[in-house]
């Protein structure tokens, strides 16, 4: 949609310039679609354009999600709403599986990345910290490819030493500041698809902080999926449900603020980084690790989404329609909600 508007209809830049911005957005942490919009704004109108493009891209989705969060708090206990969510959750799980399938075909480019992804999946299933898995996968891919090049007679370039310490397991009392800093952390380190957000949400908000459970996590992801705009507005929904309008605003600011900072800092030179052999391999490894983390979380969430034969059938049918026939995810989610609501009404 952006390419059609920016390149074809409005002629603001050429196709190659636009592709350079797409590559730049993929090389920095944060929501890629949002960062692409911010890049376009900066290229078009400088610092003012950066702010206008980013705010206008995020604000409509955040407002829509806030309204849905308000309704969720007041209507979520009604049998019909519970039934709709019953049918939506397995479809959302299928959407994540479809994203894994689609992204995996592009991200797993060779045997090195396949091995890195397998190791990252095993580490995630064993409970390793998601940041350690992501950065460890990046370093492993860069080292492995460097060793292959060295064996072939190529010069081995130095690889930056990256490490991520495992977070403690102490519970955290809910508050707006902890909420803000959690989503600020996520927005600052998350690479790849918005679905990788699942891993961070479950690791911290479900397991460590105890602020939500897997069922609510799936509800939040469902809202982020079916509403327009970036999937990262899942944070808006979570913040609003946990802390009211102030919580929604704080979570939204925390998760999207790093995108503005990274784009502003990287816009002048970032498109050239992909040509670096070491940094390109590091990024490929991070992407492979992100897919492995997504897969591990999907396995855990499957136990909350698939609770009986009907939900299993819904999830399987949705996965086939998404992967084989490229069905629209929004309509499938709506269909799952209708099936769930009808089941409640007929029971």
C-alpha atoms as a PDB file:
ATOM      1  CA  UNK A   1       0.000   0.000   0.000  1.00  0.00           C
ATOM      2  CA  UNK A   2       2.796   2.440   0.837  1.00  0.00           C
ATOM      3  CA  UNK A   3       4.664   1.656  -2.371  1.00  0.00           C
ATOM      4  CA  UNK A   4       1.498   2.260  -4.384  1.00  0.00           C
ATOM      5  CA  UNK A   5       0.797   5.592  -2.672  1.00  0.00           C
ATOM      6  CA  UNK A   6       4.332   6.950  -2.360  1.00  0.00           C
ATOM      7  CA  UNK A   7       5.896   5.743  -5.617  1.00  0.00           C
ATOM      8  CA  UNK A   8       3.104   5.211  -8.130  1.00  0.00           C
ATOM      9  CA  UNK A   9       0.336   7.634  -7.240  1.00  0.00           C
ATOM     10  CA  UNK A  10       2.182  10.556  -5.644  1.00  0.00           C
ATOM     11  CA  UNK A  11       5.638  10.221  -7.192  1.00  0.00           C
ATOM     12  CA  UNK A  12       7.397  11.302  -3.991  1.00  0.00           C
ATOM     13  CA  UNK A  13      10.380   9.012  -4.690  1.00  0.00           C
ATOM     14  CA  UNK A  14      11.596   6.341  -7.083  1.00  0.00           C
ATOM     15  CA  UNK A  15      11.096   2.614  -6.571  1.00  0.00           C
ATOM     16  CA  UNK A  16      14.757   2.012  -5.725  1.00  0.00           C
ATOM     17  CA  UNK A  17      14.697   4.789  -3.131  1.00  0.00           C
ATOM     18  CA  UNK A  18      11.627   3.194  -1.605  1.00  0.00           C
ATOM     19  CA  UNK A  19      13.286  -0.248  -1.526  1.00  0.00           C
ATOM     20  CA  UNK A  20      16.300   1.300   0.212  1.00  0.00           C
ATOM     21  CA  UNK A  21      13.961   2.579   2.941  1.00  0.00           C
ATOM     22  CA  UNK A  22      12.370  -0.873   3.257  1.00  0.00           C
ATOM     23  CA  UNK A  23      15.838  -2.353   3.783  1.00  0.00           C
ATOM     24  CA  UNK A  24      16.677   0.350   6.312  1.00  0.00           C
ATOM     25  CA  UNK A  25      13.525  -0.381   8.310  1.00  0.00           C
ATOM     26  CA  UNK A  26      14.418  -4.085   8.438  1.00  0.00           C
ATOM     27  CA  UNK A  27      17.885  -3.360   9.817  1.00  0.00           C
ATOM     28  CA  UNK A  28      16.763  -1.618  13.017  1.00  0.00           C
ATOM     29  CA  UNK A  29      14.656  -2.868  15.942  1.00  0.00           C
ATOM     30  CA  UNK A  30      10.987  -2.006  16.143  1.00  0.00           C
ATOM     31  CA  UNK A  31       7.821  -2.276  14.022  1.00  0.00           C
ATOM     32  CA  UNK A  32       8.931  -2.327  10.390  1.00  0.00           C
ATOM     33  CA  UNK A  33       5.779  -0.834   8.885  1.00  0.00           C
ATOM     34  CA  UNK A  34       5.792   2.071  11.339  1.00  0.00           C
ATOM     35  CA  UNK A  35       9.474   2.727  10.759  1.00  0.00           C
ATOM     36  CA  UNK A  36       8.946   2.663   7.006  1.00  0.00           C
ATOM     37  CA  UNK A  37       6.234   5.310   7.346  1.00  0.00           C
ATOM     38  CA  UNK A  38       8.558   7.426   9.508  1.00  0.00           C
ATOM     39  CA  UNK A  39      11.384   7.027   6.963  1.00  0.00           C
ATOM     40  CA  UNK A  40       9.064   8.178   4.167  1.00  0.00           C
ATOM     41  CA  UNK A  41       8.012  11.199   6.218  1.00  0.00           C
ATOM     42  CA  UNK A  42      11.628  12.122   6.926  1.00  0.00           C
ATOM     43  CA  UNK A  43      12.600  11.746   3.274  1.00  0.00           C
ATOM     44  CA  UNK A  44       9.628  13.847   2.196  1.00  0.00           C
ATOM     45  CA  UNK A  45       9.668  16.677   4.758  1.00  0.00           C
ATOM     46  CA  UNK A  46      12.575  16.333   7.158  1.00  0.00           C
ATOM     47  CA  UNK A  47      12.109  16.312  10.931  1.00  0.00           C
ATOM     48  CA  UNK A  48       8.548  17.653  10.775  1.00  0.00           C
ATOM     49  CA  UNK A  49       7.673  14.979   8.251  1.00  0.00           C
ATOM     50  CA  UNK A  50       9.191  12.320  10.510  1.00  0.00           C
ATOM     51  CA  UNK A  51       6.873  13.302  13.377  1.00  0.00           C
ATOM     52  CA  UNK A  52       3.765  13.812  11.265  1.00  0.00           C
ATOM     53  CA  UNK A  53       4.121  10.518   9.380  1.00  0.00           C
ATOM     54  CA  UNK A  54       4.782   8.497  12.529  1.00  0.00           C
ATOM     55  CA  UNK A  55       1.969   9.983  14.578  1.00  0.00           C
ATOM     56  CA  UNK A  56      -0.556   9.750  11.739  1.00  0.00           C
ATOM     57  CA  UNK A  57       0.382   6.112  11.108  1.00  0.00           C
ATOM     58  CA  UNK A  58       0.043   5.089  14.774  1.00  0.00           C
ATOM     59  CA  UNK A  59      -2.760   7.268  16.158  1.00  0.00           C
ATOM     60  CA  UNK A  60      -5.826   5.901  14.283  1.00  0.00           C
ATOM     61  CA  UNK A  61      -4.979   2.303  15.179  1.00  0.00           C
ATOM     62  CA  UNK A  62      -4.271   3.224  18.811  1.00  0.00           C
ATOM     63  CA  UNK A  63      -7.634   4.984  19.123  1.00  0.00           C
ATOM     64  CA  UNK A  64      -9.528   2.060  17.567  1.00  0.00           C
ATOM     65  CA  UNK A  65      -7.786  -0.420  19.870  1.00  0.00           C
ATOM     66  CA  UNK A  66      -8.521   1.785  22.896  1.00  0.00           C
ATOM     67  CA  UNK A  67     -12.238   1.713  22.076  1.00  0.00           C
ATOM     68  CA  UNK A  68     -12.097  -2.076  21.764  1.00  0.00           C
ATOM     69  CA  UNK A  69     -10.252  -2.322  25.095  1.00  0.00           C
ATOM     70  CA  UNK A  70     -12.984  -0.215  26.719  1.00  0.00           C
ATOM     71  CA  UNK A  71     -15.591  -2.597  25.322  1.00  0.00           C
ATOM     72  CA  UNK A  72     -13.569  -5.641  26.339  1.00  0.00           C
ATOM     73  CA  UNK A  73     -13.526  -4.498  29.966  1.00  0.00           C
ATOM     74  CA  UNK A  74     -17.299  -4.046  29.991  1.00  0.00           C
ATOM     75  CA  UNK A  75     -18.471  -6.829  27.692  1.00  0.00           C
ATOM     76  CA  UNK A  76     -15.781  -9.478  27.972  1.00  0.00           C
ATOM     77  CA  UNK A  77     -17.729 -11.426  30.589  1.00  0.00           C
ATOM     78  CA  UNK A  78     -20.882 -11.768  28.478  1.00  0.00           C
ATOM     79  CA  UNK A  79     -21.414 -15.344  27.170  1.00  0.00           C
ATOM     80  CA  UNK A  80     -21.603 -14.181  23.533  1.00  0.00           C
ATOM     81  CA  UNK A  81     -18.316 -12.301  23.792  1.00  0.00           C
ATOM     82  CA  UNK A  82     -16.625 -15.198  25.555  1.00  0.00           C
ATOM     83  CA  UNK A  83     -17.891 -17.459  22.787  1.00  0.00           C
ATOM     84  CA  UNK A  84     -16.525 -15.178  20.084  1.00  0.00           C
ATOM     85  CA  UNK A  85     -13.097 -15.158  21.737  1.00  0.00           C
ATOM     86  CA  UNK A  86     -13.285 -18.959  22.040  1.00  0.00           C
ATOM     87  CA  UNK A  87     -13.523 -19.163  18.255  1.00  0.00           C
ATOM     88  CA  UNK A  88     -11.025 -16.366  17.556  1.00  0.00           C
ATOM     89  CA  UNK A  89      -8.092 -17.769  19.542  1.00  0.00           C
ATOM     90  CA  UNK A  90      -7.369 -20.881  17.427  1.00  0.00           C
ATOM     91  CA  UNK A  91      -7.640 -18.770  14.266  1.00  0.00           C
ATOM     92  CA  UNK A  92      -5.129 -16.268  15.673  1.00  0.00           C
ATOM     93  CA  UNK A  93      -2.802 -19.178  16.418  1.00  0.00           C
ATOM     94  CA  UNK A  94      -3.150 -20.238  12.767  1.00  0.00           C
ATOM     95  CA  UNK A  95      -2.329 -16.683  11.659  1.00  0.00           C
ATOM     96  CA  UNK A  96       0.908 -16.830  13.652  1.00  0.00           C
ATOM     97  CA  UNK A  97       1.734 -20.249  12.151  1.00  0.00           C
ATOM     98  CA  UNK A  98       1.111 -18.841   8.676  1.00  0.00           C
ATOM     99  CA  UNK A  99       3.409 -15.915   9.444  1.00  0.00           C
ATOM    100  CA  UNK A 100       6.073 -18.377  10.604  1.00  0.00           C
ATOM    101  CA  UNK A 101       5.719 -20.348   7.381  1.00  0.00           C
ATOM    102  CA  UNK A 102       5.868 -17.266   5.149  1.00  0.00           C
ATOM    103  CA  UNK A 103       8.698 -15.520   6.996  1.00  0.00           C
ATOM    104  CA  UNK A 104      10.650 -18.721   7.502  1.00  0.00           C
ATOM    105  CA  UNK A 105      10.902 -19.365   3.770  1.00  0.00           C
ATOM    106  CA  UNK A 106      12.548 -15.975   3.350  1.00  0.00           C
ATOM    107  CA  UNK A 107      14.646 -15.946   6.536  1.00  0.00           C
ATOM    108  CA  UNK A 108      16.136 -19.475   6.535  1.00  0.00           C
ATOM    109  CA  UNK A 109      18.408 -18.953   3.531  1.00  0.00           C
ATOM    110  CA  UNK A 110      21.002 -21.689   4.093  1.00  0.00           C
ATOM    111  CA  UNK A 111      22.040 -24.567   6.350  1.00  0.00           C
ATOM    112  CA  UNK A 112      23.820 -22.277   8.795  1.00  0.00           C
ATOM    113  CA  UNK A 113      20.635 -20.327   9.486  1.00  0.00           C
ATOM    114  CA  UNK A 114      18.626 -23.554   9.695  1.00  0.00           C
ATOM    115  CA  UNK A 115      20.974 -24.850  12.408  1.00  0.00           C
ATOM    116  CA  UNK A 116      20.896 -21.489  14.207  1.00  0.00           C
ATOM    117  CA  UNK A 117      17.091 -21.509  14.144  1.00  0.00           C
ATOM    118  CA  UNK A 118      16.958 -25.079  15.466  1.00  0.00           C
ATOM    119  CA  UNK A 119      19.323 -24.242  18.324  1.00  0.00           C
ATOM    120  CA  UNK A 120      17.349 -21.094  19.134  1.00  0.00           C
ATOM    121  CA  UNK A 121      14.095 -23.085  19.204  1.00  0.00           C
ATOM    122  CA  UNK A 122      15.605 -25.608  21.618  1.00  0.00           C
ATOM    123  CA  UNK A 123      16.903 -22.815  23.853  1.00  0.00           C
ATOM    124  CA  UNK A 124      13.504 -21.093  23.871  1.00  0.00           C
ATOM    125  CA  UNK A 125      11.684 -24.305  24.781  1.00  0.00           C
ATOM    126  CA  UNK A 126      14.131 -24.792  27.651  1.00  0.00           C
ATOM    127  CA  UNK A 127      13.228 -21.340  29.000  1.00  0.00           C
ATOM    128  CA  UNK A 128      16.158 -19.197  27.850  1.00  0.00           C
ATOM    129  CA  UNK A 129      15.703 -15.427  27.935  1.00  0.00           C
ATOM    130  CA  UNK A 130      14.336 -14.183  24.592  1.00  0.00           C
ATOM    131  CA  UNK A 131      16.930 -11.404  24.260  1.00  0.00           C
ATOM    132  CA  UNK A 132      19.744 -13.888  24.855  1.00  0.00           C
ATOM    133  CA  UNK A 133      18.258 -16.157  22.184  1.00  0.00           C
ATOM    134  CA  UNK A 134      17.937 -13.344  19.626  1.00  0.00           C
ATOM    135  CA  UNK A 135      21.399 -11.861  20.053  1.00  0.00           C
ATOM    136  CA  UNK A 136      22.991 -15.265  20.526  1.00  0.00           C
ATOM    137  CA  UNK A 137      21.501 -16.381  17.218  1.00  0.00           C
ATOM    138  CA  UNK A 138      22.885 -13.271  15.534  1.00  0.00           C
ATOM    139  CA  UNK A 139      26.405 -13.802  16.866  1.00  0.00           C
ATOM    140  CA  UNK A 140      26.293 -17.537  16.050  1.00  0.00           C
ATOM    141  CA  UNK A 141      25.288 -16.862  12.446  1.00  0.00           C
ATOM    142  CA  UNK A 142      27.999 -14.225  11.993  1.00  0.00           C
ATOM    143  CA  UNK A 143      30.675 -16.493  13.503  1.00  0.00           C
ATOM    144  CA  UNK A 144      29.590 -19.552  11.514  1.00  0.00           C
ATOM    145  CA  UNK A 145      29.516 -17.701   8.213  1.00  0.00           C
ATOM    146  CA  UNK A 146      32.841 -16.096   9.055  1.00  0.00           C
ATOM    147  CA  UNK A 147      34.335 -19.538   9.668  1.00  0.00           C
ATOM    148  CA  UNK A 148      33.012 -20.743   6.321  1.00  0.00           C
ATOM    149  CA  UNK A 149      34.536 -17.747   4.562  1.00  0.00           C
ATOM    150  CA  UNK A 150      37.828 -18.241   6.400  1.00  0.00           C
ATOM    151  CA  UNK A 151      37.913 -21.887   5.362  1.00  0.00           C
ATOM    152  CA  UNK A 152      37.378 -20.763   1.789  1.00  0.00           C
ATOM    153  CA  UNK A 153      40.302 -18.356   2.048  1.00  0.00           C
ATOM    154  CA  UNK A 154      38.302 -15.181   2.705  1.00  0.00           C
ATOM    155  CA  UNK A 155      39.376 -12.672   5.321  1.00  0.00           C
ATOM    156  CA  UNK A 156      37.515 -13.047   8.573  1.00  0.00           C
ATOM    157  CA  UNK A 157      36.143  -9.724   9.763  1.00  0.00           C
ATOM    158  CA  UNK A 158      35.773  -8.991  13.479  1.00  0.00           C
ATOM    159  CA  UNK A 159      32.339  -9.601  14.924  1.00  0.00           C
ATOM    160  CA  UNK A 160      31.029  -7.298  17.652  1.00  0.00           C
ATOM    161  CA  UNK A 161      30.564  -9.079  20.966  1.00  0.00           C
ATOM    162  CA  UNK A 162      26.919  -9.036  21.945  1.00  0.00           C
ATOM    163  CA  UNK A 163      25.403 -10.547  25.038  1.00  0.00           C
ATOM    164  CA  UNK A 164      22.112 -10.379  26.860  1.00  0.00           C
ATOM    165  CA  UNK A 165      21.789 -11.303  30.519  1.00  0.00           C
ATOM    166  CA  UNK A 166      18.840 -13.360  31.633  1.00  0.00           C
ATOM    167  CA  UNK A 167      16.302 -11.384  33.572  1.00  0.00           C
ATOM    168  CA  UNK A 168      15.498 -12.270  37.134  1.00  0.00           C
ATOM    169  CA  UNK A 169      12.380 -14.134  38.068  1.00  0.00           C
ATOM    170  CA  UNK A 170      11.086 -11.721  40.716  1.00  0.00           C
ATOM    171  CA  UNK A 171       7.479 -10.584  40.381  1.00  0.00           C
ATOM    172  CA  UNK A 172       6.852  -6.902  39.654  1.00  0.00           C
ATOM    173  CA  UNK A 173       3.963  -4.936  41.101  1.00  0.00           C
ATOM    174  CA  UNK A 174       1.853  -3.316  38.388  1.00  0.00           C
ATOM    175  CA  UNK A 175       2.401   0.381  37.773  1.00  0.00           C
ATOM    176  CA  UNK A 176       2.538   2.809  34.883  1.00  0.00           C
ATOM    177  CA  UNK A 177       6.315   3.215  35.056  1.00  0.00           C
ATOM    178  CA  UNK A 178       7.055  -0.538  34.937  1.00  0.00           C
ATOM    179  CA  UNK A 179       4.521  -0.804  32.099  1.00  0.00           C
ATOM    180  CA  UNK A 180       6.218   2.016  30.180  1.00  0.00           C
ATOM    181  CA  UNK A 181       9.731   0.657  30.647  1.00  0.00           C
ATOM    182  CA  UNK A 182       8.678  -2.863  29.634  1.00  0.00           C
ATOM    183  CA  UNK A 183       7.242  -1.699  26.329  1.00  0.00           C
ATOM    184  CA  UNK A 184      10.154   0.710  25.845  1.00  0.00           C
ATOM    185  CA  UNK A 185      12.486  -2.286  26.162  1.00  0.00           C
ATOM    186  CA  UNK A 186      10.446  -4.276  23.656  1.00  0.00           C
ATOM    187  CA  UNK A 187      10.365  -1.442  21.142  1.00  0.00           C
ATOM    188  CA  UNK A 188      14.119  -0.991  21.515  1.00  0.00           C
ATOM    189  CA  UNK A 189      15.249  -4.569  20.909  1.00  0.00           C
ATOM    190  CA  UNK A 190      12.599  -6.405  18.908  1.00  0.00           C
ATOM    191  CA  UNK A 191      13.634  -7.385  15.394  1.00  0.00           C
ATOM    192  CA  UNK A 192      11.454  -8.872  12.696  1.00  0.00           C
ATOM    193  CA  UNK A 193       7.716  -9.359  12.490  1.00  0.00           C
ATOM    194  CA  UNK A 194       5.318  -7.910  15.019  1.00  0.00           C
ATOM    195  CA  UNK A 195       4.418 -11.479  15.940  1.00  0.00           C
ATOM    196  CA  UNK A 196       7.778 -11.805  17.723  1.00  0.00           C
ATOM    197  CA  UNK A 197       6.124  -9.494  20.255  1.00  0.00           C
ATOM    198  CA  UNK A 198       4.326 -12.606  21.519  1.00  0.00           C
ATOM    199  CA  UNK A 199       7.529 -13.982  22.994  1.00  0.00           C
ATOM    200  CA  UNK A 200       8.281 -10.833  24.989  1.00  0.00           C
ATOM    201  CA  UNK A 201       4.708 -10.517  26.231  1.00  0.00           C
ATOM    202  CA  UNK A 202       4.520 -14.080  27.437  1.00  0.00           C
ATOM    203  CA  UNK A 203       8.005 -14.155  28.958  1.00  0.00           C
ATOM    204  CA  UNK A 204       7.554 -10.998  31.026  1.00  0.00           C
ATOM    205  CA  UNK A 205       3.896 -10.056  31.447  1.00  0.00           C
ATOM    206  CA  UNK A 206       2.621 -13.644  31.841  1.00  0.00           C
ATOM    207  CA  UNK A 207       5.450 -15.628  33.424  1.00  0.00           C
ATOM    208  CA  UNK A 208       7.573 -13.031  35.215  1.00  0.00           C
ATOM    209  CA  UNK A 209       5.219 -10.204  36.218  1.00  0.00           C
ATOM    210  CA  UNK A 210       1.992 -12.224  36.458  1.00  0.00           C
ATOM    211  CA  UNK A 211      -0.087  -9.311  35.110  1.00  0.00           C
ATOM    212  CA  UNK A 212      -1.971 -11.487  32.573  1.00  0.00           C
ATOM    213  CA  UNK A 213      -2.490 -15.091  31.484  1.00  0.00           C
ATOM    214  CA  UNK A 214      -2.208 -16.892  28.143  1.00  0.00           C
ATOM    215  CA  UNK A 215      -5.923 -16.536  27.417  1.00  0.00           C
ATOM    216  CA  UNK A 216      -5.799 -12.746  27.797  1.00  0.00           C
ATOM    217  CA  UNK A 217      -2.582 -12.649  25.756  1.00  0.00           C
ATOM    218  CA  UNK A 218      -4.384 -14.334  22.855  1.00  0.00           C
ATOM    219  CA  UNK A 219      -7.284 -11.875  23.188  1.00  0.00           C
ATOM    220  CA  UNK A 220      -4.824  -8.978  22.971  1.00  0.00           C
ATOM    221  CA  UNK A 221      -3.087 -10.410  19.909  1.00  0.00           C
ATOM    222  CA  UNK A 222      -6.474 -10.993  18.280  1.00  0.00           C
ATOM    223  CA  UNK A 223      -7.346  -7.313  18.700  1.00  0.00           C
ATOM    224  CA  UNK A 224      -3.986  -6.242  17.300  1.00  0.00           C
ATOM    225  CA  UNK A 225      -4.519  -8.526  14.293  1.00  0.00           C
ATOM    226  CA  UNK A 226      -8.079  -7.567  13.327  1.00  0.00           C
ATOM    227  CA  UNK A 227      -7.673  -3.795  13.660  1.00  0.00           C
ATOM    228  CA  UNK A 228      -6.026  -1.540  11.048  1.00  0.00           C
ATOM    229  CA  UNK A 229      -2.463  -0.423  11.608  1.00  0.00           C
ATOM    230  CA  UNK A 230       0.612  -2.081  13.125  1.00  0.00           C
ATOM    231  CA  UNK A 231       0.279  -5.292  15.181  1.00  0.00           C
ATOM    232  CA  UNK A 232       2.247  -3.464  17.885  1.00  0.00           C
ATOM    233  CA  UNK A 233      -0.993  -1.725  18.933  1.00  0.00           C
ATOM    234  CA  UNK A 234      -1.495  -4.939  20.899  1.00  0.00           C
ATOM    235  CA  UNK A 235       0.465  -2.953  23.501  1.00  0.00           C
ATOM    236  CA  UNK A 236      -2.238  -0.268  23.509  1.00  0.00           C
ATOM    237  CA  UNK A 237      -4.899  -2.883  24.263  1.00  0.00           C
ATOM    238  CA  UNK A 238      -2.875  -4.485  27.055  1.00  0.00           C
ATOM    239  CA  UNK A 239      -2.026  -1.141  28.635  1.00  0.00           C
ATOM    240  CA  UNK A 240      -5.647   0.040  28.530  1.00  0.00           C
ATOM    241  CA  UNK A 241      -7.030  -3.153  30.053  1.00  0.00           C
ATOM    242  CA  UNK A 242      -4.374  -3.228  32.792  1.00  0.00           C
ATOM    243  CA  UNK A 243      -4.192   0.484  33.594  1.00  0.00           C
ATOM    244  CA  UNK A 244      -7.091   2.298  31.915  1.00  0.00           C
ATOM    245  CA  UNK A 245      -6.632   5.097  29.348  1.00  0.00           C
ATOM    246  CA  UNK A 246      -3.397   6.201  31.019  1.00  0.00           C
ATOM    247  CA  UNK A 247      -2.031   2.659  30.749  1.00  0.00           C
ATOM    248  CA  UNK A 248      -2.968   2.510  27.080  1.00  0.00           C
ATOM    249  CA  UNK A 249      -1.226   5.814  26.375  1.00  0.00           C
ATOM    250  CA  UNK A 250       1.884   4.826  28.344  1.00  0.00           C
ATOM    251  CA  UNK A 251       2.182   1.428  26.631  1.00  0.00           C
ATOM    252  CA  UNK A 252       1.707   2.984  23.183  1.00  0.00           C
ATOM    253  CA  UNK A 253       4.323   5.666  23.845  1.00  0.00           C
ATOM    254  CA  UNK A 254       6.787   3.124  25.234  1.00  0.00           C
ATOM    255  CA  UNK A 255       6.631   0.658  22.358  1.00  0.00           C
ATOM    256  CA  UNK A 256       6.638   3.199  19.502  1.00  0.00           C
ATOM    257  CA  UNK A 257       9.020   5.853  20.858  1.00  0.00           C
ATOM    258  CA  UNK A 258      12.203   3.911  19.959  1.00  0.00           C
ATOM    259  CA  UNK A 259      11.080   3.734  16.326  1.00  0.00           C
ATOM    260  CA  UNK A 260      11.250   7.521  16.016  1.00  0.00           C
ATOM    261  CA  UNK A 261      14.680   7.607  17.680  1.00  0.00           C
ATOM    262  CA  UNK A 262      16.148   4.793  15.572  1.00  0.00           C
ATOM    263  CA  UNK A 263      14.890   6.220  12.294  1.00  0.00           C
ATOM    264  CA  UNK A 264      16.163   9.705  13.155  1.00  0.00           C
ATOM    265  CA  UNK A 265      19.591   8.317  14.094  1.00  0.00           C
ATOM    266  CA  UNK A 266      19.967   5.852  11.223  1.00  0.00           C
ATOM    267  CA  UNK A 267      18.306   7.511   8.231  1.00  0.00           C
ATOM    268  CA  UNK A 268      21.507   9.086   6.825  1.00  0.00           C
ATOM    269  CA  UNK A 269      23.593   5.893   6.647  1.00  0.00           C
ATOM    270  CA  UNK A 270      21.632   2.748   7.500  1.00  0.00           C
ATOM    271  CA  UNK A 271      20.774   1.605   3.939  1.00  0.00           C
ATOM    272  CA  UNK A 272      24.513   1.028   3.324  1.00  0.00           C
ATOM    273  CA  UNK A 273      24.910  -1.377   6.273  1.00  0.00           C
ATOM    274  CA  UNK A 274      23.366  -4.346   4.478  1.00  0.00           C
ATOM    275  CA  UNK A 275      26.430  -4.404   2.224  1.00  0.00           C
ATOM    276  CA  UNK A 276      28.574  -5.252   5.267  1.00  0.00           C
ATOM    277  CA  UNK A 277      29.181  -9.006   5.295  1.00  0.00           C
ATOM    278  CA  UNK A 278      29.389  -9.258   9.087  1.00  0.00           C
ATOM    279  CA  UNK A 279      26.421  -7.005   9.890  1.00  0.00           C
ATOM    280  CA  UNK A 280      24.300  -8.687   7.221  1.00  0.00           C
ATOM    281  CA  UNK A 281      25.047 -12.126   8.714  1.00  0.00           C
ATOM    282  CA  UNK A 282      24.340 -10.809  12.209  1.00  0.00           C
ATOM    283  CA  UNK A 283      20.935  -9.552  11.095  1.00  0.00           C
ATOM    284  CA  UNK A 284      20.139 -12.822   9.309  1.00  0.00           C
ATOM    285  CA  UNK A 285      20.901 -14.721  12.504  1.00  0.00           C
ATOM    286  CA  UNK A 286      18.705 -12.420  14.594  1.00  0.00           C
ATOM    287  CA  UNK A 287      15.836 -12.950  12.143  1.00  0.00           C
ATOM    288  CA  UNK A 288      16.277 -16.740  12.310  1.00  0.00           C
ATOM    289  CA  UNK A 289      16.316 -16.568  16.108  1.00  0.00           C
ATOM    290  CA  UNK A 290      13.178 -14.437  16.096  1.00  0.00           C
ATOM    291  CA  UNK A 291      11.316 -17.076  14.080  1.00  0.00           C
ATOM    292  CA  UNK A 292      12.445 -19.771  16.514  1.00  0.00           C
ATOM    293  CA  UNK A 293      11.174 -17.728  19.463  1.00  0.00           C
ATOM    294  CA  UNK A 294       7.846 -17.266  17.658  1.00  0.00           C
ATOM    295  CA  UNK A 295       7.598 -21.017  17.112  1.00  0.00           C
ATOM    296  CA  UNK A 296       8.294 -21.795  20.772  1.00  0.00           C
ATOM    297  CA  UNK A 297       5.664 -19.332  21.977  1.00  0.00           C
ATOM    298  CA  UNK A 298       3.145 -20.713  19.479  1.00  0.00           C
ATOM    299  CA  UNK A 299       3.562 -24.165  21.009  1.00  0.00           C
ATOM    300  CA  UNK A 300       2.886 -22.784  24.488  1.00  0.00           C
ATOM    301  CA  UNK A 301      -0.107 -20.714  23.391  1.00  0.00           C
ATOM    302  CA  UNK A 302      -1.587 -23.664  21.534  1.00  0.00           C
ATOM    303  CA  UNK A 303      -2.570 -25.166  24.878  1.00  0.00           C
ATOM    304  CA  UNK A 304      -4.665 -22.085  25.685  1.00  0.00           C
ATOM    305  CA  UNK A 305      -6.212 -21.804  22.210  1.00  0.00           C
ATOM    306  CA  UNK A 306      -6.953 -25.432  21.309  1.00  0.00           C
ATOM    307  CA  UNK A 307      -9.077 -26.770  24.157  1.00  0.00           C
ATOM    308  CA  UNK A 308     -11.405 -29.219  22.379  1.00  0.00           C
ATOM    309  CA  UNK A 309     -12.031 -30.812  18.945  1.00  0.00           C
ATOM    310  CA  UNK A 310     -13.916 -27.773  17.611  1.00  0.00           C
ATOM    311  CA  UNK A 311     -11.091 -25.324  18.351  1.00  0.00           C
ATOM    312  CA  UNK A 312      -8.630 -27.818  16.885  1.00  0.00           C
ATOM    313  CA  UNK A 313     -10.695 -28.003  13.716  1.00  0.00           C
ATOM    314  CA  UNK A 314     -10.979 -24.206  13.526  1.00  0.00           C
ATOM    315  CA  UNK A 315      -7.227 -23.772  13.886  1.00  0.00           C
ATOM    316  CA  UNK A 316      -6.426 -26.458  11.298  1.00  0.00           C
ATOM    317  CA  UNK A 317      -8.959 -25.123   8.774  1.00  0.00           C
ATOM    318  CA  UNK A 318      -7.666 -21.566   9.230  1.00  0.00           C
ATOM    319  CA  UNK A 319      -4.051 -22.682   8.760  1.00  0.00           C
ATOM    320  CA  UNK A 320      -4.902 -24.501   5.522  1.00  0.00           C
ATOM    321  CA  UNK A 321      -6.876 -21.547   4.158  1.00  0.00           C
ATOM    322  CA  UNK A 322      -4.092 -19.112   5.058  1.00  0.00           C
ATOM    323  CA  UNK A 323      -1.118 -21.130   3.814  1.00  0.00           C
ATOM    324  CA  UNK A 324      -2.645 -22.949   0.837  1.00  0.00           C
ATOM    325  CA  UNK A 325      -5.205 -20.443  -0.413  1.00  0.00           C
ATOM    326  CA  UNK A 326      -3.865 -17.169   1.040  1.00  0.00           C
ATOM    327  CA  UNK A 327      -7.210 -16.281   2.580  1.00  0.00           C
ATOM    328  CA  UNK A 328      -7.620 -12.911   4.251  1.00  0.00           C
ATOM    329  CA  UNK A 329      -6.737 -13.226   7.936  1.00  0.00           C
ATOM    330  CA  UNK A 330      -9.256 -10.587   9.020  1.00  0.00           C
ATOM    331  CA  UNK A 331     -12.194 -12.487   7.545  1.00  0.00           C
ATOM    332  CA  UNK A 332     -10.995 -15.752   9.074  1.00  0.00           C
ATOM    333  CA  UNK A 333     -10.728 -14.165  12.514  1.00  0.00           C
ATOM    334  CA  UNK A 334     -14.250 -12.764  12.088  1.00  0.00           C
ATOM    335  CA  UNK A 335     -15.483 -16.182  11.002  1.00  0.00           C
ATOM    336  CA  UNK A 336     -13.920 -17.839  14.034  1.00  0.00           C
ATOM    337  CA  UNK A 337     -15.663 -15.331  16.278  1.00  0.00           C
ATOM    338  CA  UNK A 338     -19.011 -16.038  14.633  1.00  0.00           C
ATOM    339  CA  UNK A 339     -18.556 -19.806  15.051  1.00  0.00           C
ATOM    340  CA  UNK A 340     -17.688 -19.362  18.717  1.00  0.00           C
ATOM    341  CA  UNK A 341     -20.638 -17.054  19.394  1.00  0.00           C
ATOM    342  CA  UNK A 342     -23.082 -19.408  17.655  1.00  0.00           C
ATOM    343  CA  UNK A 343     -21.757 -22.323  19.698  1.00  0.00           C
ATOM    344  CA  UNK A 344     -22.519 -20.461  22.919  1.00  0.00           C
ATOM    345  CA  UNK A 345     -25.979 -19.446  21.743  1.00  0.00           C
ATOM    346  CA  UNK A 346     -26.872 -23.032  20.763  1.00  0.00           C
ATOM    347  CA  UNK A 347     -25.504 -24.610  23.942  1.00  0.00           C
END
